[in-house]
Amino acid sequence: MVDFWQIIQNAGVELISPTTAAYALAALGLAIHYGFTGLVNFGLAVFMAIGAYGYGISTLTFHFPVWGAVLVGIGASIIFALILGVPTLRLRADYLSIVTIAAAEILRLIFTTNTLEAVTGSADGLSGYKGGFADLNPIPDGTYGFGPWTMNAYDLWLRIVAWTIVIIACLLAWQLMRSPWGRVVKGIREDEDAVRALGKNVYFYKMQSLILGGVFGTIAGMIFILPRAIVPANYATTLTFFIYTILLLGGAATILGPVIGSIIFWVLLSAVSGFVARAQAAGWFDLIGMSSVQAGQTRFILVGVVLMLLVIFRPQGIFGNKKELAFVK
């Protein structure tokens, strides 16, 4: 028998998990790029990788404190955004997406090269960098929460920090998009030639947007690795596509959309994964001649169908506006 209550409980854990917070923050960064500025960036995963490796290498190799490692990661992402933006931000739509996805793959492969194994860990990645963050924990040892949300002091501390950062980032983005700067980048999304005709430096505003969204993605990358090890395979193009799915689910040109989209995505994915695992154990898939590998992939099929229906019947996302959707291409 399939224990549906256990599936619901396991899915409920994802409501406030650090992974959900990390994806929400990364999707908010992508909202700044794509939803508000119109930059079709398929390389957001690389900003998360820069945050992860910047934090991990600074801690393990150079023994930086937490604040120093965070600054190194942010500084590295700004430098990368400048290097990426100088040749690419004059491109549009498809050309920009091709260049960004290629740049992301190049940097990911650099992290996995054996030449840098002593620093990056090559394909094995990095671990053992959480001590500094754990030392900042003011919460006494013990067990906290209730039901599926029972956790130890470290997990509670990580969730408090992660979701506090997400809230601060949302408030910052909300304030920016209501400011004159936000109105300019929205104008660029709608018609950059018209904005240029008004005397605005479109290239400069695009660069600012690329840096800001990249920094959000970088901090998300740091949150993402605190409950787990750094594994280079996690930063493939699939990660960027997941973030795009979350963004479109919640609403591309919104502030709360990425947050709600991330929660729904991970709860749904966890619930479907739990159902598939238990159905497979109960032998349901054997009845239709499906192998264990094939059964494991059905979770993405089921989630994909749900998302497809959402795109068909509500293409602007949960919080999106159809008027703004017309400009997000």
C-alpha atoms as a PDB file:
ATOM      1  CA  MET A   1       0.000   0.000   0.000  1.00  0.00           C
ATOM      2  CA  VAL A   2       1.093   3.560  -0.696  1.00  0.00           C
ATOM      3  CA  ASP A   3       1.271   5.715   2.437  1.00  0.00           C
ATOM      4  CA  PHE A   4      -0.167   8.991   1.130  1.00  0.00           C
ATOM      5  CA  TRP A   5       0.058  10.700   4.512  1.00  0.00           C
ATOM      6  CA  GLN A   6       3.815  10.085   4.612  1.00  0.00           C
ATOM      7  CA  ILE A   7       4.115  11.451   1.090  1.00  0.00           C
ATOM      8  CA  ILE A   8       2.278  14.628   2.146  1.00  0.00           C
ATOM      9  CA  GLN A   9       4.497  15.016   5.215  1.00  0.00           C
ATOM     10  CA  ASN A  10       7.692  14.599   3.195  1.00  0.00           C
ATOM     11  CA  ALA A  11       6.455  17.129   0.632  1.00  0.00           C
ATOM     12  CA  GLY A  12       5.586  19.545   3.436  1.00  0.00           C
ATOM     13  CA  VAL A  13       9.229  19.643   4.506  1.00  0.00           C
ATOM     14  CA  GLU A  14      10.031  21.460   1.251  1.00  0.00           C
ATOM     15  CA  LEU A  15       7.798  24.410   2.205  1.00  0.00           C
ATOM     16  CA  ILE A  16      10.577  26.025   4.250  1.00  0.00           C
ATOM     17  CA  SER A  17      13.641  24.032   3.189  1.00  0.00           C
ATOM     18  CA  PRO A  18      16.940  25.841   2.417  1.00  0.00           C
ATOM     19  CA  THR A  19      16.809  24.392  -1.108  1.00  0.00           C
ATOM     20  CA  THR A  20      13.428  26.037  -1.704  1.00  0.00           C
ATOM     21  CA  ALA A  21      14.812  29.337  -0.380  1.00  0.00           C
ATOM     22  CA  ALA A  22      17.897  29.063  -2.613  1.00  0.00           C
ATOM     23  CA  TYR A  23      15.825  28.434  -5.726  1.00  0.00           C
ATOM     24  CA  ALA A  24      13.440  31.256  -4.793  1.00  0.00           C
ATOM     25  CA  LEU A  25      16.346  33.699  -4.522  1.00  0.00           C
ATOM     26  CA  ALA A  26      17.885  32.465  -7.772  1.00  0.00           C
ATOM     27  CA  ALA A  27      14.517  32.787  -9.528  1.00  0.00           C
ATOM     28  CA  LEU A  28      14.203  36.343  -8.201  1.00  0.00           C
ATOM     29  CA  GLY A  29      17.585  37.099  -9.758  1.00  0.00           C
ATOM     30  CA  LEU A  30      16.340  35.636 -13.022  1.00  0.00           C
ATOM     31  CA  ALA A  31      13.189  37.745 -12.721  1.00  0.00           C
ATOM     32  CA  ILE A  32      15.413  40.835 -12.696  1.00  0.00           C
ATOM     33  CA  HIS A  33      17.218  39.588 -15.804  1.00  0.00           C
ATOM     34  CA  TYR A  34      14.352  38.148 -17.822  1.00  0.00           C
ATOM     35  CA  GLY A  35      11.087  39.315 -16.305  1.00  0.00           C
ATOM     36  CA  PHE A  36      11.934  42.982 -15.720  1.00  0.00           C
ATOM     37  CA  THR A  37      14.818  43.723 -18.129  1.00  0.00           C
ATOM     38  CA  GLY A  38      14.145  41.230 -20.915  1.00  0.00           C
ATOM     39  CA  LEU A  39      17.589  39.571 -20.810  1.00  0.00           C
ATOM     40  CA  VAL A  40      17.268  35.959 -21.973  1.00  0.00           C
ATOM     41  CA  ASN A  41      19.988  34.572 -19.725  1.00  0.00           C
ATOM     42  CA  PHE A  42      20.416  30.779 -19.821  1.00  0.00           C
ATOM     43  CA  GLY A  43      23.544  30.923 -17.701  1.00  0.00           C
ATOM     44  CA  LEU A  44      22.162  31.678 -14.250  1.00  0.00           C
ATOM     45  CA  ALA A  45      23.454  28.326 -12.963  1.00  0.00           C
ATOM     46  CA  VAL A  46      26.998  29.629 -13.326  1.00  0.00           C
ATOM     47  CA  PHE A  47      26.312  32.447 -10.846  1.00  0.00           C
ATOM     48  CA  MET A  48      25.136  29.851  -8.326  1.00  0.00           C
ATOM     49  CA  ALA A  49      28.296  27.843  -9.026  1.00  0.00           C
ATOM     50  CA  ILE A  50      30.457  30.938  -8.494  1.00  0.00           C
ATOM     51  CA  GLY A  51      28.763  31.539  -5.160  1.00  0.00           C
ATOM     52  CA  ALA A  52      29.221  27.919  -4.117  1.00  0.00           C
ATOM     53  CA  TYR A  53      32.854  27.592  -5.165  1.00  0.00           C
ATOM     54  CA  GLY A  54      33.724  31.116  -4.053  1.00  0.00           C
ATOM     55  CA  TYR A  55      32.456  30.327  -0.564  1.00  0.00           C
ATOM     56  CA  GLY A  56      33.889  26.818  -0.442  1.00  0.00           C
ATOM     57  CA  ILE A  57      37.360  27.642  -1.782  1.00  0.00           C
ATOM     58  CA  SER A  58      37.679  30.766   0.370  1.00  0.00           C
ATOM     59  CA  THR A  59      36.814  28.734   3.461  1.00  0.00           C
ATOM     60  CA  LEU A  60      38.819  25.567   2.778  1.00  0.00           C
ATOM     61  CA  THR A  61      41.883  26.889   0.919  1.00  0.00           C
ATOM     62  CA  PHE A  62      42.302  30.391   2.311  1.00  0.00           C
ATOM     63  CA  HIS A  63      40.539  29.902   5.686  1.00  0.00           C
ATOM     64  CA  PHE A  64      38.427  33.050   5.299  1.00  0.00           C
ATOM     65  CA  PRO A  65      35.697  33.779   7.862  1.00  0.00           C
ATOM     66  CA  VAL A  66      32.084  33.516   6.717  1.00  0.00           C
ATOM     67  CA  TRP A  67      31.730  37.216   5.871  1.00  0.00           C
ATOM     68  CA  GLY A  68      34.999  37.140   3.904  1.00  0.00           C
ATOM     69  CA  ALA A  69      33.944  34.061   1.929  1.00  0.00           C
ATOM     70  CA  VAL A  70      30.597  35.682   1.127  1.00  0.00           C
ATOM     71  CA  LEU A  71      32.326  38.839  -0.121  1.00  0.00           C
ATOM     72  CA  VAL A  72      34.713  36.776  -2.259  1.00  0.00           C
ATOM     73  CA  GLY A  73      31.780  34.978  -3.879  1.00  0.00           C
ATOM     74  CA  ILE A  74      29.905  38.218  -4.544  1.00  0.00           C
ATOM     75  CA  GLY A  75      33.047  39.923  -5.873  1.00  0.00           C
ATOM     76  CA  ALA A  76      33.758  36.992  -8.191  1.00  0.00           C
ATOM     77  CA  SER A  77      30.206  37.107  -9.535  1.00  0.00           C
ATOM     78  CA  ILE A  78      30.453  40.838 -10.248  1.00  0.00           C
ATOM     79  CA  ILE A  79      33.716  40.323 -12.127  1.00  0.00           C
ATOM     80  CA  PHE A  80      32.206  37.447 -14.102  1.00  0.00           C
ATOM     81  CA  ALA A  81      29.089  39.519 -14.897  1.00  0.00           C
ATOM     82  CA  LEU A  82      31.327  42.283 -16.260  1.00  0.00           C
ATOM     83  CA  ILE A  83      33.341  39.820 -18.355  1.00  0.00           C
ATOM     84  CA  LEU A  84      30.151  38.183 -19.608  1.00  0.00           C
ATOM     85  CA  GLY A  85      28.252  41.410 -20.131  1.00  0.00           C
ATOM     86  CA  VAL A  86      30.809  43.414 -22.122  1.00  0.00           C
ATOM     87  CA  PRO A  87      30.592  41.238 -25.260  1.00  0.00           C
ATOM     88  CA  THR A  88      27.037  39.882 -24.852  1.00  0.00           C
ATOM     89  CA  LEU A  89      24.743  42.690 -23.739  1.00  0.00           C
ATOM     90  CA  ARG A  90      24.766  44.214 -27.206  1.00  0.00           C
ATOM     91  CA  LEU A  91      23.196  40.982 -28.439  1.00  0.00           C
ATOM     92  CA  ARG A  92      19.505  40.245 -28.236  1.00  0.00           C
ATOM     93  CA  ALA A  93      17.172  37.318 -27.579  1.00  0.00           C
ATOM     94  CA  ASP A  94      18.457  34.055 -29.069  1.00  0.00           C
ATOM     95  CA  TYR A  95      22.039  35.233 -29.511  1.00  0.00           C
ATOM     96  CA  LEU A  96      22.313  36.305 -25.888  1.00  0.00           C
ATOM     97  CA  SER A  97      20.874  32.999 -24.656  1.00  0.00           C
ATOM     98  CA  ILE A  98      23.365  30.981 -26.734  1.00  0.00           C
ATOM     99  CA  VAL A  99      26.354  32.923 -25.420  1.00  0.00           C
ATOM    100  CA  THR A 100      25.268  32.754 -21.773  1.00  0.00           C
ATOM    101  CA  ILE A 101      24.569  29.024 -21.822  1.00  0.00           C
ATOM    102  CA  ALA A 102      27.955  28.417 -23.446  1.00  0.00           C
ATOM    103  CA  ALA A 103      29.746  30.595 -20.874  1.00  0.00           C
ATOM    104  CA  ALA A 104      28.042  28.721 -18.046  1.00  0.00           C
ATOM    105  CA  GLU A 105      29.142  25.346 -19.400  1.00  0.00           C
ATOM    106  CA  ILE A 106      32.710  26.561 -19.946  1.00  0.00           C
ATOM    107  CA  LEU A 107      33.072  27.697 -16.347  1.00  0.00           C
ATOM    108  CA  ARG A 108      31.440  24.520 -14.997  1.00  0.00           C
ATOM    109  CA  LEU A 109      33.913  22.388 -16.947  1.00  0.00           C
ATOM    110  CA  ILE A 110      36.780  24.499 -15.624  1.00  0.00           C
ATOM    111  CA  PHE A 111      35.660  23.664 -12.088  1.00  0.00           C
ATOM    112  CA  THR A 112      35.752  19.948 -12.932  1.00  0.00           C
ATOM    113  CA  THR A 113      39.164  19.874 -14.604  1.00  0.00           C
ATOM    114  CA  ASN A 114      41.795  17.683 -12.931  1.00  0.00           C
ATOM    115  CA  THR A 115      44.344  20.500 -13.147  1.00  0.00           C
ATOM    116  CA  LEU A 116      42.486  22.394 -10.398  1.00  0.00           C
ATOM    117  CA  GLU A 117      41.600  19.320  -8.337  1.00  0.00           C
ATOM    118  CA  ALA A 118      43.554  20.541  -5.290  1.00  0.00           C
ATOM    119  CA  VAL A 119      41.393  23.672  -5.167  1.00  0.00           C
ATOM    120  CA  THR A 120      38.020  22.729  -6.688  1.00  0.00           C
ATOM    121  CA  GLY A 121      37.943  19.005  -5.931  1.00  0.00           C
ATOM    122  CA  SER A 122      37.403  18.286  -9.647  1.00  0.00           C
ATOM    123  CA  ALA A 123      34.369  16.023 -10.272  1.00  0.00           C
ATOM    124  CA  ASP A 124      34.208  15.056  -6.581  1.00  0.00           C
ATOM    125  CA  GLY A 125      33.483  18.643  -5.516  1.00  0.00           C
ATOM    126  CA  LEU A 126      34.083  20.091  -2.047  1.00  0.00           C
ATOM    127  CA  SER A 127      32.851  19.510   1.490  1.00  0.00           C
ATOM    128  CA  GLY A 128      33.783  20.420   5.050  1.00  0.00           C
ATOM    129  CA  TYR A 129      33.202  24.188   4.756  1.00  0.00           C
ATOM    130  CA  LYS A 130      30.166  24.508   7.045  1.00  0.00           C
ATOM    131  CA  GLY A 131      32.038  24.950  10.333  1.00  0.00           C
ATOM    132  CA  GLY A 132      32.279  28.742  10.189  1.00  0.00           C
ATOM    133  CA  PHE A 133      28.575  29.156   9.515  1.00  0.00           C
ATOM    134  CA  ALA A 134      27.692  26.633  12.233  1.00  0.00           C
ATOM    135  CA  ASP A 135      29.880  28.527  14.732  1.00  0.00           C
ATOM    136  CA  LEU A 136      27.697  31.628  14.227  1.00  0.00           C
ATOM    137  CA  ASN A 137      24.605  29.707  15.322  1.00  0.00           C
ATOM    138  CA  PRO A 138      23.123  31.332  18.477  1.00  0.00           C
ATOM    139  CA  ILE A 139      20.482  28.614  18.873  1.00  0.00           C
ATOM    140  CA  PRO A 140      21.210  26.058  21.654  1.00  0.00           C
ATOM    141  CA  ASP A 141      21.582  22.404  20.677  1.00  0.00           C
ATOM    142  CA  GLY A 142      18.350  20.488  20.674  1.00  0.00           C
ATOM    143  CA  THR A 143      15.368  19.518  18.572  1.00  0.00           C
ATOM    144  CA  TYR A 144      12.935  22.152  17.351  1.00  0.00           C
ATOM    145  CA  GLY A 145       9.669  22.276  15.434  1.00  0.00           C
ATOM    146  CA  PHE A 146       6.870  19.772  15.113  1.00  0.00           C
ATOM    147  CA  GLY A 147       5.679  17.066  12.761  1.00  0.00           C
ATOM    148  CA  PRO A 148       7.535  17.022   9.440  1.00  0.00           C
ATOM    149  CA  TRP A 149       9.220  20.305  10.387  1.00  0.00           C
ATOM    150  CA  THR A 150      11.275  18.808  13.227  1.00  0.00           C
ATOM    151  CA  MET A 151      14.929  19.819  12.937  1.00  0.00           C
ATOM    152  CA  ASN A 152      18.148  20.286  14.854  1.00  0.00           C
ATOM    153  CA  ALA A 153      19.700  23.633  15.813  1.00  0.00           C
ATOM    154  CA  TYR A 154      21.855  23.891  12.670  1.00  0.00           C
ATOM    155  CA  ASP A 155      18.945  23.220  10.318  1.00  0.00           C
ATOM    156  CA  LEU A 156      16.778  25.778  12.132  1.00  0.00           C
ATOM    157  CA  TRP A 157      19.571  28.377  12.004  1.00  0.00           C
ATOM    158  CA  LEU A 158      20.089  27.743   8.290  1.00  0.00           C
ATOM    159  CA  ARG A 159      16.379  28.141   7.543  1.00  0.00           C
ATOM    160  CA  ILE A 160      16.169  31.385   9.517  1.00  0.00           C
ATOM    161  CA  VAL A 161      19.156  32.855   7.671  1.00  0.00           C
ATOM    162  CA  ALA A 162      18.049  31.589   4.249  1.00  0.00           C
ATOM    163  CA  TRP A 163      14.487  32.887   4.413  1.00  0.00           C
ATOM    164  CA  THR A 164      15.567  36.169   6.010  1.00  0.00           C
ATOM    165  CA  ILE A 165      17.833  36.743   3.007  1.00  0.00           C
ATOM    166  CA  VAL A 166      14.969  35.899   0.638  1.00  0.00           C
ATOM    167  CA  ILE A 167      12.683  38.407   2.386  1.00  0.00           C
ATOM    168  CA  ILE A 168      15.345  41.143   2.283  1.00  0.00           C
ATOM    169  CA  ALA A 169      16.008  40.431  -1.406  1.00  0.00           C
ATOM    170  CA  CYS A 170      12.284  40.638  -2.205  1.00  0.00           C
ATOM    171  CA  LEU A 171      11.961  43.977  -0.404  1.00  0.00           C
ATOM    172  CA  LEU A 172      15.032  45.314  -2.209  1.00  0.00           C
ATOM    173  CA  ALA A 173      13.784  44.173  -5.612  1.00  0.00           C
ATOM    174  CA  TRP A 174      10.296  45.552  -4.909  1.00  0.00           C
ATOM    175  CA  GLN A 175      11.730  48.936  -3.975  1.00  0.00           C
ATOM    176  CA  LEU A 176      14.041  48.995  -7.000  1.00  0.00           C
ATOM    177  CA  MET A 177      11.274  48.154  -9.448  1.00  0.00           C
ATOM    178  CA  ARG A 178       9.170  51.026  -8.091  1.00  0.00           C
ATOM    179  CA  SER A 179      12.078  53.447  -8.504  1.00  0.00           C
ATOM    180  CA  PRO A 180      13.106  55.390 -11.640  1.00  0.00           C
ATOM    181  CA  TRP A 181      15.759  52.713 -12.251  1.00  0.00           C
ATOM    182  CA  GLY A 182      13.079  50.035 -12.318  1.00  0.00           C
ATOM    183  CA  ARG A 183      10.963  52.000 -14.754  1.00  0.00           C
ATOM    184  CA  VAL A 184      13.936  52.316 -17.103  1.00  0.00           C
ATOM    185  CA  VAL A 185      14.742  48.600 -17.114  1.00  0.00           C
ATOM    186  CA  LYS A 186      11.058  47.801 -17.714  1.00  0.00           C
ATOM    187  CA  GLY A 187      11.180  50.226 -20.607  1.00  0.00           C
ATOM    188  CA  ILE A 188      14.208  48.379 -21.982  1.00  0.00           C
ATOM    189  CA  ARG A 189      12.251  45.137 -21.796  1.00  0.00           C
ATOM    190  CA  GLU A 190       9.391  46.669 -23.734  1.00  0.00           C
ATOM    191  CA  ASP A 191      11.325  48.662 -26.369  1.00  0.00           C
ATOM    192  CA  GLU A 192      14.995  49.373 -25.823  1.00  0.00           C
ATOM    193  CA  ASP A 193      15.224  51.498 -28.957  1.00  0.00           C
ATOM    194  CA  ALA A 194      12.613  53.869 -27.554  1.00  0.00           C
ATOM    195  CA  VAL A 195      14.502  54.070 -24.248  1.00  0.00           C
ATOM    196  CA  ARG A 196      17.729  54.755 -26.122  1.00  0.00           C
ATOM    197  CA  ALA A 197      15.958  57.507 -28.077  1.00  0.00           C
ATOM    198  CA  LEU A 198      15.127  59.165 -24.742  1.00  0.00           C
ATOM    199  CA  GLY A 199      18.830  59.499 -23.992  1.00  0.00           C
ATOM    200  CA  LYS A 200      19.226  56.570 -21.598  1.00  0.00           C
ATOM    201  CA  ASN A 201      22.332  54.412 -21.708  1.00  0.00           C
ATOM    202  CA  VAL A 202      20.647  51.067 -22.358  1.00  0.00           C
ATOM    203  CA  TYR A 203      23.909  49.113 -22.237  1.00  0.00           C
ATOM    204  CA  PHE A 204      24.742  50.539 -18.810  1.00  0.00           C
ATOM    205  CA  TYR A 205      21.326  49.667 -17.379  1.00  0.00           C
ATOM    206  CA  LYS A 206      21.524  46.139 -18.792  1.00  0.00           C
ATOM    207  CA  MET A 207      24.911  45.688 -17.151  1.00  0.00           C
ATOM    208  CA  GLN A 208      23.528  46.832 -13.794  1.00  0.00           C
ATOM    209  CA  SER A 209      20.632  44.408 -14.128  1.00  0.00           C
ATOM    210  CA  LEU A 210      22.970  41.545 -15.052  1.00  0.00           C
ATOM    211  CA  ILE A 211      25.157  42.251 -12.011  1.00  0.00           C
ATOM    212  CA  LEU A 212      22.244  42.606  -9.578  1.00  0.00           C
ATOM    213  CA  GLY A 213      20.482  39.438 -10.717  1.00  0.00           C
ATOM    214  CA  GLY A 214      23.825  37.630 -10.761  1.00  0.00           C
ATOM    215  CA  VAL A 215      24.537  38.627  -7.155  1.00  0.00           C
ATOM    216  CA  PHE A 216      21.144  37.242  -6.119  1.00  0.00           C
ATOM    217  CA  GLY A 217      22.024  33.998  -7.904  1.00  0.00           C
ATOM    218  CA  THR A 218      25.437  33.927  -6.225  1.00  0.00           C
ATOM    219  CA  ILE A 219      24.000  34.267  -2.730  1.00  0.00           C
ATOM    220  CA  ALA A 220      21.456  31.583  -3.653  1.00  0.00           C
ATOM    221  CA  GLY A 221      24.377  29.331  -4.577  1.00  0.00           C
ATOM    222  CA  MET A 222      25.847  29.812  -1.100  1.00  0.00           C
ATOM    223  CA  ILE A 223      22.545  28.950   0.579  1.00  0.00           C
ATOM    224  CA  PHE A 224      22.207  25.918  -1.674  1.00  0.00           C
ATOM    225  CA  ILE A 225      25.474  24.317  -0.484  1.00  0.00           C
ATOM    226  CA  LEU A 226      25.090  24.839   3.261  1.00  0.00           C
ATOM    227  CA  PRO A 227      22.916  21.726   3.765  1.00  0.00           C
ATOM    228  CA  ARG A 228      25.005  19.637   1.291  1.00  0.00           C
ATOM    229  CA  ALA A 229      28.371  19.303  -0.460  1.00  0.00           C
ATOM    230  CA  ILE A 230      29.433  21.189  -3.582  1.00  0.00           C
ATOM    231  CA  VAL A 231      28.912  18.847  -6.542  1.00  0.00           C
ATOM    232  CA  PRO A 232      29.738  20.282  -9.995  1.00  0.00           C
ATOM    233  CA  ALA A 233      27.070  18.140 -11.663  1.00  0.00           C
ATOM    234  CA  ASN A 234      24.431  20.204  -9.832  1.00  0.00           C
ATOM    235  CA  TYR A 235      25.302  23.263 -11.935  1.00  0.00           C
ATOM    236  CA  ALA A 236      24.490  21.878 -15.363  1.00  0.00           C
ATOM    237  CA  THR A 237      21.976  23.604 -17.649  1.00  0.00           C
ATOM    238  CA  THR A 238      19.190  21.603 -15.970  1.00  0.00           C
ATOM    239  CA  LEU A 239      19.520  23.895 -12.963  1.00  0.00           C
ATOM    240  CA  THR A 240      18.847  26.983 -15.081  1.00  0.00           C
ATOM    241  CA  PHE A 241      15.818  25.296 -16.670  1.00  0.00           C
ATOM    242  CA  PHE A 242      14.436  24.447 -13.225  1.00  0.00           C
ATOM    243  CA  ILE A 243      14.796  28.086 -12.226  1.00  0.00           C
ATOM    244  CA  TYR A 244      13.037  29.214 -15.416  1.00  0.00           C
ATOM    245  CA  THR A 245      10.215  26.781 -14.629  1.00  0.00           C
ATOM    246  CA  ILE A 246       9.882  28.241 -11.133  1.00  0.00           C
ATOM    247  CA  LEU A 247       9.921  31.775 -12.515  1.00  0.00           C
ATOM    248  CA  LEU A 248       7.248  31.098 -15.133  1.00  0.00           C
ATOM    249  CA  LEU A 249       5.183  29.167 -12.600  1.00  0.00           C
ATOM    250  CA  GLY A 250       4.984  32.110 -10.215  1.00  0.00           C
ATOM    251  CA  GLY A 251       5.048  34.921 -12.774  1.00  0.00           C
ATOM    252  CA  ALA A 252       8.047  36.305 -14.661  1.00  0.00           C
ATOM    253  CA  ALA A 253       7.684  40.014 -13.961  1.00  0.00           C
ATOM    254  CA  THR A 254       6.737  39.724 -10.288  1.00  0.00           C
ATOM    255  CA  ILE A 255       8.451  39.828  -6.911  1.00  0.00           C
ATOM    256  CA  LEU A 256       6.480  37.194  -4.980  1.00  0.00           C
ATOM    257  CA  GLY A 257       6.095  34.929  -8.010  1.00  0.00           C
ATOM    258  CA  PRO A 258       9.579  33.350  -7.765  1.00  0.00           C
ATOM    259  CA  VAL A 259       9.087  32.635  -4.058  1.00  0.00           C
ATOM    260  CA  ILE A 260       5.672  31.013  -4.417  1.00  0.00           C
ATOM    261  CA  GLY A 261       6.789  29.280  -7.604  1.00  0.00           C
ATOM    262  CA  SER A 262       9.762  27.729  -5.809  1.00  0.00           C
ATOM    263  CA  ILE A 263       7.574  26.485  -2.949  1.00  0.00           C
ATOM    264  CA  ILE A 264       5.010  24.947  -5.308  1.00  0.00           C
ATOM    265  CA  PHE A 265       7.684  23.425  -7.543  1.00  0.00           C
ATOM    266  CA  TRP A 266       9.576  21.681  -4.749  1.00  0.00           C
ATOM    267  CA  VAL A 267       6.489  20.555  -2.864  1.00  0.00           C
ATOM    268  CA  LEU A 268       5.034  19.156  -6.083  1.00  0.00           C
ATOM    269  CA  LEU A 269       8.311  17.507  -7.122  1.00  0.00           C
ATOM    270  CA  SER A 270       8.767  15.979  -3.663  1.00  0.00           C
ATOM    271  CA  ALA A 271       5.191  14.684  -3.572  1.00  0.00           C
ATOM    272  CA  VAL A 272       5.440  13.135  -7.027  1.00  0.00           C
ATOM    273  CA  SER A 273       8.867  11.637  -6.243  1.00  0.00           C
ATOM    274  CA  GLY A 274       7.525  10.136  -3.015  1.00  0.00           C
ATOM    275  CA  PHE A 275       4.505   8.713  -4.797  1.00  0.00           C
ATOM    276  CA  VAL A 276       6.609   7.203  -7.589  1.00  0.00           C
ATOM    277  CA  ALA A 277       9.072   5.650  -5.120  1.00  0.00           C
ATOM    278  CA  ARG A 278       6.317   4.028  -3.065  1.00  0.00           C
ATOM    279  CA  ALA A 279       4.326   2.939  -6.108  1.00  0.00           C
ATOM    280  CA  GLN A 280       7.454   1.324  -7.475  1.00  0.00           C
ATOM    281  CA  ALA A 281       8.060  -0.475  -4.153  1.00  0.00           C
ATOM    282  CA  ALA A 282       4.450  -1.693  -4.221  1.00  0.00           C
ATOM    283  CA  GLY A 283       5.002  -3.148  -7.696  1.00  0.00           C
ATOM    284  CA  TRP A 284       2.563  -0.889  -9.521  1.00  0.00           C
ATOM    285  CA  PHE A 285       5.007  -0.130 -12.339  1.00  0.00           C
ATOM    286  CA  ASP A 286       5.800  -3.827 -12.818  1.00  0.00           C
ATOM    287  CA  LEU A 287       2.219  -4.324 -13.921  1.00  0.00           C
ATOM    288  CA  ILE A 288       2.819  -2.157 -16.986  1.00  0.00           C
ATOM    289  CA  GLY A 289       6.317  -3.467 -17.684  1.00  0.00           C
ATOM    290  CA  MET A 290       8.176  -0.310 -16.658  1.00  0.00           C
ATOM    291  CA  SER A 291      11.741  -0.625 -15.335  1.00  0.00           C
ATOM    292  CA  SER A 292      12.969   1.079 -12.159  1.00  0.00           C
ATOM    293  CA  VAL A 293      14.929   3.639 -14.195  1.00  0.00           C
ATOM    294  CA  GLN A 294      11.889   4.469 -16.312  1.00  0.00           C
ATOM    295  CA  ALA A 295       9.700   4.681 -13.223  1.00  0.00           C
ATOM    296  CA  GLY A 296      12.130   7.130 -11.613  1.00  0.00           C
ATOM    297  CA  GLN A 297      11.802   9.484 -14.570  1.00  0.00           C
ATOM    298  CA  THR A 298       8.008   9.568 -14.456  1.00  0.00           C
ATOM    299  CA  ARG A 299       8.170  12.220 -11.720  1.00  0.00           C
ATOM    300  CA  PHE A 300       9.492  14.721 -14.260  1.00  0.00           C
ATOM    301  CA  ILE A 301       6.807  13.659 -16.740  1.00  0.00           C
ATOM    302  CA  LEU A 302       4.019  14.163 -14.209  1.00  0.00           C
ATOM    303  CA  VAL A 303       5.406  17.506 -13.014  1.00  0.00           C
ATOM    304  CA  GLY A 304       5.882  18.528 -16.653  1.00  0.00           C
ATOM    305  CA  VAL A 305       2.239  17.764 -17.461  1.00  0.00           C
ATOM    306  CA  VAL A 306       1.061  19.885 -14.529  1.00  0.00           C
ATOM    307  CA  LEU A 307       3.289  22.769 -15.576  1.00  0.00           C
ATOM    308  CA  MET A 308       2.179  22.405 -19.183  1.00  0.00           C
ATOM    309  CA  LEU A 309      -1.448  22.734 -18.128  1.00  0.00           C
ATOM    310  CA  LEU A 310      -0.549  25.834 -16.131  1.00  0.00           C
ATOM    311  CA  VAL A 311       1.167  27.415 -19.127  1.00  0.00           C
ATOM    312  CA  ILE A 312      -1.855  26.631 -21.318  1.00  0.00           C
ATOM    313  CA  PHE A 313      -4.530  27.924 -18.957  1.00  0.00           C
ATOM    314  CA  ARG A 314      -2.569  30.617 -17.100  1.00  0.00           C
ATOM    315  CA  PRO A 315       0.504  31.532 -19.169  1.00  0.00           C
ATOM    316  CA  GLN A 316       1.278  34.619 -17.078  1.00  0.00           C
ATOM    317  CA  GLY A 317       1.876  32.461 -14.008  1.00  0.00           C
ATOM    318  CA  ILE A 318       0.146  32.600 -10.652  1.00  0.00           C
ATOM    319  CA  PHE A 319       0.908  36.247  -9.901  1.00  0.00           C
ATOM    320  CA  GLY A 320       1.722  37.423 -13.414  1.00  0.00           C
ATOM    321  CA  ASN A 321       0.010  40.150 -15.395  1.00  0.00           C
ATOM    322  CA  LYS A 322      -1.012  39.468 -18.994  1.00  0.00           C
ATOM    323  CA  LYS A 323      -0.133  43.017 -19.977  1.00  0.00           C
ATOM    324  CA  GLU A 324       3.443  42.538 -18.819  1.00  0.00           C
ATOM    325  CA  LEU A 325       3.583  39.038 -20.273  1.00  0.00           C
ATOM    326  CA  ALA A 326       3.169  40.544 -23.722  1.00  0.00           C
ATOM    327  CA  PHE A 327       6.566  42.204 -23.366  1.00  0.00           C
ATOM    328  CA  VAL A 328       8.434  39.204 -21.912  1.00  0.00           C
ATOM    329  CA  LYS A 329       9.590  37.358 -25.007  1.00  0.00           C
END
